[in-house]
Each structure stands twice: as structure tokens, then as C-alpha cells.
Amino acid sequence: MKLVRCEHYKACTNELSEIRSVVRCACKKMGFSESEINLLTLAIDEACTNIIRYAYCGDKSGRIDLEVYQSESEAIFFLTDYAKCIKKSCLEIKDKKLTEPGGLGLKLIHKAMDSVQLISLSDPVGNKLELRKRLPQG
């Protein structure tokens, strides 16, 4: 597994533009099509927005670490925060009507990625989200 990018950001919506730029660049290097790049970038943006909104509750003193790796067959994105630990059930898609508020972003993340999972950290504080997407063929 090869490290493509490793960046650290304040947990602030002002940072989302830079995060999107880094993700776009990394995805382009890995050979994703423009439509795939757009979808993956949107999914990472949504995950970061959820971290800012729900994990940190808007506290701008928090931090988000973004790591992007490339294996032989996958792009792997890790988003690490240092907020209160969340339950793995928070990543499960709830059976809601599309007209009900909440949960649409999580559906988008799951649709864009092949695998979405929360990795347990040894610290009592913090969450590490692992997002995987198969690399394009050829």
C-alpha cells in the first residue's frame, strides 16, 4: 500500500474546499474518470461535513486527518477525528423515506464507496473512518 497524500485540517467548513482539492488530485492520479472523481470527492466532503457537524458539534478547535493510500486494486481513504467516539451503528443506513430529513449524505457515501467502516482506535477519544473504492480497470 502506497501513501498518496496525508494532510491535517481544522474541523471547520472553511477547510472543505482544500480537502476537496486534495481528494480530486489524488483520485485523478489514481486514474478515476471525471464522474467518479466528482462522486468520490462529494462523498469525502460529506463525511468531513458530518465530522464537523456531529462529532465536533461545530467546535472549530478540532482536527481532521486525511490519509489517501493506493493498493494494487483500491483507493483507500482514512478520515481521523479526535472527538467523542461514535458507535458503528451511526454509519448504518436507516430505512427512511427520501422526504424525511437526515441520512441522505450517508446513503451517498455508501453509494460512492465499495466499503465504509469505522476502525476502533486505542484511545478513548477519536474515530477513524475507512473508505475504500476499487481502482478503475486499465
N, C-alpha and C. Protein backbone atom coordinates (compact mmCIF):
# COMPACT_ATOMS: atom_id res chain seq x y z
N MET A 1 0.85 -1.17 0.00
CA MET A 1 0.00 0.00 0.00
C MET A 1 0.90 1.24 0.00
N LYS A 2 0.63 2.14 -0.92
CA LYS A 2 1.45 3.34 -1.10
C LYS A 2 0.68 4.57 -0.62
N LEU A 3 1.35 5.39 0.20
CA LEU A 3 0.74 6.64 0.66
C LEU A 3 0.73 7.63 -0.50
N VAL A 4 -0.46 8.18 -0.80
CA VAL A 4 -0.61 9.16 -1.86
C VAL A 4 -0.60 10.57 -1.28
N ARG A 5 -1.36 10.78 -0.20
CA ARG A 5 -1.41 12.09 0.47
C ARG A 5 -1.72 11.89 1.94
N CYS A 6 -1.20 12.78 2.76
CA CYS A 6 -1.52 12.82 4.19
C CYS A 6 -1.58 14.28 4.58
N GLU A 7 -2.75 14.73 5.00
CA GLU A 7 -2.96 16.14 5.33
C GLU A 7 -3.74 16.26 6.63
N HIS A 8 -3.58 17.40 7.29
CA HIS A 8 -4.27 17.69 8.55
C HIS A 8 -5.02 19.00 8.38
N TYR A 9 -6.26 19.01 8.87
CA TYR A 9 -7.12 20.18 8.71
C TYR A 9 -7.81 20.53 10.02
N LYS A 10 -8.16 21.79 10.16
CA LYS A 10 -9.02 22.22 11.25
C LYS A 10 -10.42 21.69 10.94
N ALA A 11 -11.16 21.37 11.98
CA ALA A 11 -12.54 20.89 11.80
C ALA A 11 -13.45 22.09 11.57
N CYS A 12 -13.33 22.64 10.38
CA CYS A 12 -14.01 23.89 10.04
C CYS A 12 -14.46 23.81 8.58
N THR A 13 -15.64 24.28 8.29
CA THR A 13 -16.15 24.20 6.92
C THR A 13 -15.29 25.00 5.94
N ASN A 14 -14.52 25.97 6.42
CA ASN A 14 -13.62 26.71 5.53
C ASN A 14 -12.55 25.81 4.92
N GLU A 15 -12.28 24.67 5.54
CA GLU A 15 -11.25 23.74 5.06
C GLU A 15 -11.77 22.79 3.98
N LEU A 16 -13.09 22.70 3.81
CA LEU A 16 -13.66 21.72 2.89
C LEU A 16 -13.20 21.90 1.45
N SER A 17 -13.02 23.13 1.04
CA SER A 17 -12.56 23.39 -0.34
C SER A 17 -11.18 22.78 -0.57
N GLU A 18 -10.30 22.94 0.38
CA GLU A 18 -8.94 22.37 0.25
C GLU A 18 -8.99 20.84 0.30
N ILE A 19 -9.82 20.30 1.15
CA ILE A 19 -9.98 18.84 1.23
C ILE A 19 -10.47 18.30 -0.11
N ARG A 20 -11.48 18.95 -0.68
CA ARG A 20 -11.99 18.52 -1.99
C ARG A 20 -10.89 18.57 -3.05
N SER A 21 -10.09 19.61 -3.03
CA SER A 21 -9.00 19.76 -3.99
C SER A 21 -7.98 18.63 -3.87
N VAL A 22 -7.62 18.29 -2.65
CA VAL A 22 -6.66 17.21 -2.41
C VAL A 22 -7.23 15.87 -2.87
N VAL A 23 -8.49 15.62 -2.56
CA VAL A 23 -9.13 14.36 -2.96
C VAL A 23 -9.22 14.27 -4.48
N ARG A 24 -9.61 15.37 -5.12
CA ARG A 24 -9.70 15.38 -6.59
C ARG A 24 -8.34 15.04 -7.22
N CYS A 25 -7.31 15.69 -6.73
CA CYS A 25 -5.96 15.48 -7.27
C CYS A 25 -5.52 14.02 -7.08
N ALA A 26 -5.74 13.48 -5.89
CA ALA A 26 -5.34 12.09 -5.61
C ALA A 26 -6.12 11.11 -6.49
N CYS A 27 -7.42 11.35 -6.63
CA CYS A 27 -8.25 10.45 -7.46
C CYS A 27 -7.83 10.51 -8.93
N LYS A 28 -7.47 11.70 -9.38
CA LYS A 28 -7.02 11.85 -10.77
C LYS A 28 -5.73 11.05 -10.99
N LYS A 29 -4.80 11.14 -10.04
CA LYS A 29 -3.53 10.38 -10.13
C LYS A 29 -3.77 8.88 -10.19
N MET A 30 -4.86 8.45 -9.53
CA MET A 30 -5.15 7.01 -9.48
C MET A 30 -5.97 6.54 -10.68
N GLY A 31 -6.30 7.45 -11.60
CA GLY A 31 -6.92 7.07 -12.86
C GLY A 31 -8.44 7.02 -12.88
N PHE A 32 -9.09 7.60 -11.89
CA PHE A 32 -10.55 7.62 -11.89
C PHE A 32 -11.06 8.57 -12.97
N SER A 33 -12.24 8.27 -13.50
CA SER A 33 -12.87 9.14 -14.50
C SER A 33 -13.37 10.41 -13.81
N GLU A 34 -13.69 11.41 -14.60
CA GLU A 34 -14.17 12.68 -14.04
C GLU A 34 -15.44 12.48 -13.21
N SER A 35 -16.36 11.64 -13.69
CA SER A 35 -17.60 11.42 -12.93
C SER A 35 -17.32 10.68 -11.63
N GLU A 36 -16.39 9.72 -11.66
CA GLU A 36 -16.02 9.01 -10.43
C GLU A 36 -15.33 9.96 -9.45
N ILE A 37 -14.47 10.82 -9.97
CA ILE A 37 -13.78 11.80 -9.13
C ILE A 37 -14.79 12.71 -8.44
N ASN A 38 -15.78 13.16 -9.20
CA ASN A 38 -16.82 14.02 -8.61
C ASN A 38 -17.57 13.31 -7.50
N LEU A 39 -17.94 12.06 -7.71
CA LEU A 39 -18.69 11.30 -6.72
C LEU A 39 -17.84 11.02 -5.48
N LEU A 40 -16.60 10.61 -5.67
CA LEU A 40 -15.72 10.33 -4.53
C LEU A 40 -15.43 11.59 -3.73
N THR A 41 -15.21 12.69 -4.43
CA THR A 41 -14.95 13.97 -3.77
C THR A 41 -16.17 14.39 -2.95
N LEU A 42 -17.34 14.23 -3.51
CA LEU A 42 -18.57 14.58 -2.80
C LEU A 42 -18.74 13.71 -1.55
N ALA A 43 -18.42 12.42 -1.67
CA ALA A 43 -18.55 11.51 -0.53
C ALA A 43 -17.60 11.89 0.60
N ILE A 44 -16.35 12.20 0.27
CA ILE A 44 -15.38 12.61 1.29
C ILE A 44 -15.81 13.94 1.91
N ASP A 45 -16.29 14.86 1.09
CA ASP A 45 -16.78 16.15 1.58
C ASP A 45 -17.93 15.93 2.57
N GLU A 46 -18.84 15.05 2.23
CA GLU A 46 -19.98 14.76 3.11
C GLU A 46 -19.51 14.14 4.42
N ALA A 47 -18.56 13.21 4.34
CA ALA A 47 -18.04 12.59 5.57
C ALA A 47 -17.37 13.64 6.46
N CYS A 48 -16.59 14.53 5.87
CA CYS A 48 -15.94 15.59 6.64
C CYS A 48 -16.96 16.55 7.24
N THR A 49 -17.99 16.87 6.48
CA THR A 49 -19.06 17.74 6.98
C THR A 49 -19.75 17.09 8.18
N ASN A 50 -19.98 15.78 8.10
CA ASN A 50 -20.59 15.07 9.23
C ASN A 50 -19.69 15.09 10.45
N ILE A 51 -18.38 14.96 10.25
CA ILE A 51 -17.44 15.04 11.37
C ILE A 51 -17.53 16.42 12.03
N ILE A 52 -17.51 17.45 11.20
CA ILE A 52 -17.57 18.82 11.72
C ILE A 52 -18.88 19.05 12.46
N ARG A 53 -19.98 18.64 11.85
CA ARG A 53 -21.31 18.93 12.39
C ARG A 53 -21.67 18.05 13.59
N TYR A 54 -21.40 16.75 13.49
CA TYR A 54 -21.90 15.83 14.51
C TYR A 54 -20.84 15.39 15.52
N ALA A 55 -19.62 15.12 15.07
CA ALA A 55 -18.59 14.68 16.01
C ALA A 55 -18.08 15.86 16.84
N TYR A 56 -17.75 16.94 16.17
CA TYR A 56 -17.23 18.12 16.87
C TYR A 56 -18.32 19.12 17.25
N CYS A 57 -19.52 18.93 16.76
CA CYS A 57 -20.63 19.86 17.05
C CYS A 57 -20.25 21.31 16.75
N GLY A 58 -19.51 21.51 15.67
CA GLY A 58 -19.13 22.85 15.25
C GLY A 58 -17.94 23.45 15.98
N ASP A 59 -17.32 22.70 16.89
CA ASP A 59 -16.14 23.19 17.61
C ASP A 59 -14.95 23.25 16.65
N LYS A 60 -14.54 24.45 16.28
CA LYS A 60 -13.50 24.64 15.27
C LYS A 60 -12.10 24.34 15.78
N SER A 61 -11.95 24.00 17.05
CA SER A 61 -10.62 23.67 17.57
C SER A 61 -10.25 22.22 17.29
N GLY A 62 -11.22 21.44 16.75
CA GLY A 62 -10.96 20.04 16.43
C GLY A 62 -10.10 19.89 15.18
N ARG A 63 -9.72 18.65 14.89
CA ARG A 63 -8.84 18.37 13.75
C ARG A 63 -9.36 17.15 12.99
N ILE A 64 -9.16 17.20 11.69
CA ILE A 64 -9.46 16.06 10.82
C ILE A 64 -8.18 15.72 10.06
N ASP A 65 -7.79 14.46 10.13
CA ASP A 65 -6.64 13.98 9.37
C ASP A 65 -7.16 13.20 8.17
N LEU A 66 -6.62 13.50 7.00
CA LEU A 66 -6.97 12.80 5.77
C LEU A 66 -5.74 12.06 5.27
N GLU A 67 -5.88 10.76 5.11
CA GLU A 67 -4.82 9.94 4.53
C GLU A 67 -5.40 9.25 3.30
N VAL A 68 -4.66 9.29 2.21
CA VAL A 68 -5.08 8.63 0.97
C VAL A 68 -3.99 7.64 0.59
N TYR A 69 -4.40 6.38 0.40
CA TYR A 69 -3.47 5.32 0.00
C TYR A 69 -3.96 4.68 -1.29
N GLN A 70 -3.01 4.06 -1.98
CA GLN A 70 -3.35 3.28 -3.16
C GLN A 70 -2.74 1.90 -3.00
N SER A 71 -3.59 0.88 -3.07
CA SER A 71 -3.10 -0.50 -3.10
C SER A 71 -3.12 -0.94 -4.56
N GLU A 72 -2.86 -2.20 -4.81
CA GLU A 72 -2.88 -2.69 -6.20
C GLU A 72 -4.27 -2.56 -6.82
N SER A 73 -5.29 -2.66 -5.99
CA SER A 73 -6.64 -2.70 -6.55
C SER A 73 -7.60 -1.64 -6.00
N GLU A 74 -7.18 -0.87 -4.99
CA GLU A 74 -8.11 0.05 -4.33
C GLU A 74 -7.49 1.40 -4.00
N ALA A 75 -8.36 2.39 -3.95
CA ALA A 75 -8.04 3.67 -3.32
C ALA A 75 -8.60 3.56 -1.90
N ILE A 76 -7.81 3.94 -0.92
CA ILE A 76 -8.24 3.83 0.48
C ILE A 76 -8.09 5.20 1.12
N PHE A 77 -9.19 5.68 1.68
CA PHE A 77 -9.22 6.99 2.33
C PHE A 77 -9.47 6.77 3.82
N PHE A 78 -8.66 7.41 4.66
CA PHE A 78 -8.88 7.39 6.10
C PHE A 78 -9.16 8.81 6.55
N LEU A 79 -10.23 8.98 7.30
CA LEU A 79 -10.56 10.25 7.94
C LEU A 79 -10.53 10.01 9.44
N THR A 80 -9.63 10.71 10.13
CA THR A 80 -9.50 10.54 11.58
C THR A 80 -9.87 11.84 12.27
N ASP A 81 -10.71 11.71 13.29
CA ASP A 81 -11.02 12.88 14.12
C ASP A 81 -10.66 12.54 15.56
N TYR A 82 -10.70 13.54 16.41
CA TYR A 82 -10.31 13.37 17.81
C TYR A 82 -11.44 13.82 18.72
N ALA A 83 -12.65 13.57 18.27
CA ALA A 83 -13.86 13.90 19.00
C ALA A 83 -14.30 12.68 19.82
N LYS A 84 -15.44 12.82 20.46
CA LYS A 84 -16.02 11.72 21.22
C LYS A 84 -16.26 10.53 20.29
N CYS A 85 -15.96 9.33 20.76
CA CYS A 85 -16.16 8.13 19.95
C CYS A 85 -17.63 7.95 19.59
N ILE A 86 -17.85 7.53 18.36
CA ILE A 86 -19.21 7.25 17.91
C ILE A 86 -19.40 5.74 17.83
N LYS A 87 -20.65 5.32 17.78
CA LYS A 87 -20.97 3.91 17.65
C LYS A 87 -20.96 3.54 16.17
N LYS A 88 -20.58 2.31 15.87
CA LYS A 88 -20.56 1.85 14.48
C LYS A 88 -21.95 1.92 13.86
N SER A 89 -22.97 1.84 14.67
CA SER A 89 -24.35 1.90 14.15
C SER A 89 -24.66 3.26 13.53
N CYS A 90 -23.87 4.29 13.87
CA CYS A 90 -24.08 5.62 13.27
C CYS A 90 -23.81 5.62 11.77
N LEU A 91 -23.07 4.62 11.30
CA LEU A 91 -22.75 4.54 9.87
C LEU A 91 -23.73 3.67 9.09
N GLU A 92 -24.68 3.08 9.79
CA GLU A 92 -25.67 2.24 9.12
C GLU A 92 -26.75 3.12 8.51
N ILE A 93 -27.17 2.74 7.33
CA ILE A 93 -28.22 3.49 6.64
C ILE A 93 -29.55 3.14 7.28
N LYS A 94 -30.25 4.17 7.70
CA LYS A 94 -31.58 4.00 8.31
C LYS A 94 -32.62 3.91 7.20
N ASP A 95 -33.64 3.13 7.45
CA ASP A 95 -34.72 2.99 6.48
C ASP A 95 -35.67 4.16 6.64
N LYS A 96 -35.44 5.20 5.85
CA LYS A 96 -36.26 6.41 5.91
C LYS A 96 -36.78 6.73 4.52
N LYS A 97 -37.85 7.49 4.50
CA LYS A 97 -38.34 8.00 3.23
C LYS A 97 -37.41 9.13 2.79
N LEU A 98 -37.24 9.29 1.49
CA LEU A 98 -36.38 10.36 0.98
C LEU A 98 -36.87 11.75 1.37
N THR A 99 -38.15 11.86 1.69
CA THR A 99 -38.69 13.17 2.06
C THR A 99 -38.42 13.52 3.52
N GLU A 100 -37.96 12.53 4.32
CA GLU A 100 -37.63 12.79 5.72
C GLU A 100 -36.21 13.35 5.81
N PRO A 101 -35.98 14.30 6.72
CA PRO A 101 -34.65 14.88 6.83
C PRO A 101 -33.65 13.89 7.43
N GLY A 102 -32.38 14.05 7.03
CA GLY A 102 -31.30 13.25 7.61
C GLY A 102 -31.05 11.95 6.88
N GLY A 103 -29.79 11.56 6.82
CA GLY A 103 -29.41 10.25 6.29
C GLY A 103 -29.07 10.20 4.82
N LEU A 104 -29.41 11.24 4.06
CA LEU A 104 -29.15 11.22 2.62
C LEU A 104 -27.65 11.23 2.32
N GLY A 105 -26.89 12.01 3.10
CA GLY A 105 -25.44 12.07 2.91
C GLY A 105 -24.78 10.73 3.16
N LEU A 106 -25.26 10.02 4.17
CA LEU A 106 -24.72 8.70 4.47
C LEU A 106 -25.00 7.72 3.33
N LYS A 107 -26.19 7.83 2.74
CA LYS A 107 -26.51 6.99 1.59
C LYS A 107 -25.57 7.29 0.43
N LEU A 108 -25.27 8.56 0.23
CA LEU A 108 -24.34 8.96 -0.84
C LEU A 108 -22.95 8.36 -0.59
N ILE A 109 -22.48 8.43 0.64
CA ILE A 109 -21.15 7.89 0.98
C ILE A 109 -21.12 6.40 0.67
N HIS A 110 -22.14 5.67 1.09
CA HIS A 110 -22.19 4.22 0.85
C HIS A 110 -22.31 3.90 -0.64
N LYS A 111 -23.02 4.73 -1.39
CA LYS A 111 -23.15 4.51 -2.84
C LYS A 111 -21.83 4.75 -3.56
N ALA A 112 -21.10 5.78 -3.14
CA ALA A 112 -19.85 6.14 -3.80
C ALA A 112 -18.73 5.15 -3.51
N MET A 113 -18.73 4.57 -2.32
CA MET A 113 -17.63 3.72 -1.87
C MET A 113 -18.03 2.25 -1.93
N ASP A 114 -17.03 1.40 -2.06
CA ASP A 114 -17.28 -0.04 -2.03
C ASP A 114 -17.33 -0.56 -0.59
N SER A 115 -16.64 0.15 0.30
CA SER A 115 -16.59 -0.27 1.70
C SER A 115 -16.50 0.97 2.58
N VAL A 116 -17.31 0.99 3.63
CA VAL A 116 -17.32 2.08 4.60
C VAL A 116 -17.30 1.44 5.98
N GLN A 117 -16.25 1.71 6.75
CA GLN A 117 -16.22 1.12 8.09
C GLN A 117 -15.51 2.02 9.08
N LEU A 118 -15.91 1.87 10.33
CA LEU A 118 -15.31 2.60 11.43
C LEU A 118 -14.27 1.71 12.07
N ILE A 119 -13.06 2.22 12.20
CA ILE A 119 -11.98 1.46 12.80
C ILE A 119 -11.82 1.92 14.24
N SER A 120 -11.76 0.98 15.16
CA SER A 120 -11.61 1.31 16.57
C SER A 120 -10.19 1.82 16.82
N LEU A 121 -10.11 2.90 17.59
CA LEU A 121 -8.82 3.44 17.99
C LEU A 121 -8.52 3.00 19.42
N SER A 122 -7.25 2.95 19.77
CA SER A 122 -6.89 2.53 21.12
C SER A 122 -7.20 3.61 22.15
N ASP A 123 -7.25 4.87 21.70
CA ASP A 123 -7.59 5.97 22.60
C ASP A 123 -9.08 5.96 22.89
N PRO A 124 -9.47 6.47 24.05
CA PRO A 124 -10.90 6.57 24.34
C PRO A 124 -11.58 7.70 23.56
N VAL A 125 -10.79 8.51 22.88
CA VAL A 125 -11.32 9.62 22.10
C VAL A 125 -10.87 9.46 20.66
N GLY A 126 -11.78 9.72 19.73
CA GLY A 126 -11.40 9.71 18.33
C GLY A 126 -12.08 8.62 17.53
N ASN A 127 -12.17 8.89 16.24
CA ASN A 127 -12.80 7.98 15.30
C ASN A 127 -11.96 7.93 14.03
N LYS A 128 -11.88 6.75 13.44
CA LYS A 128 -11.16 6.62 12.16
C LYS A 128 -12.11 5.93 11.18
N LEU A 129 -12.45 6.66 10.14
CA LEU A 129 -13.34 6.16 9.11
C LEU A 129 -12.50 5.69 7.93
N GLU A 130 -12.75 4.45 7.50
CA GLU A 130 -12.04 3.89 6.35
C GLU A 130 -13.03 3.78 5.19
N LEU A 131 -12.66 4.37 4.07
CA LEU A 131 -13.49 4.36 2.87
C LEU A 131 -12.66 3.75 1.74
N ARG A 132 -13.19 2.74 1.09
CA ARG A 132 -12.46 2.05 0.03
C ARG A 132 -13.24 2.08 -1.28
N LYS A 133 -12.47 2.23 -2.37
CA LYS A 133 -13.06 2.22 -3.72
C LYS A 133 -12.11 1.48 -4.66
N ARG A 134 -12.67 0.51 -5.39
CA ARG A 134 -11.85 -0.22 -6.37
C ARG A 134 -11.30 0.75 -7.41
N LEU A 135 -10.07 0.54 -7.78
CA LEU A 135 -9.46 1.36 -8.83
C LEU A 135 -10.08 1.02 -10.18
N PRO A 136 -10.12 1.98 -11.07
CA PRO A 136 -10.64 1.68 -12.42
C PRO A 136 -9.75 0.67 -13.12
N GLN A 137 -10.37 -0.13 -13.95
CA GLN A 137 -9.61 -1.15 -14.71
C GLN A 137 -8.81 -0.47 -15.82
N GLY A 138 -7.61 -1.01 -16.06
CA GLY A 138 -6.79 -0.47 -17.14
C GLY A 138 -5.96 0.63 -16.64
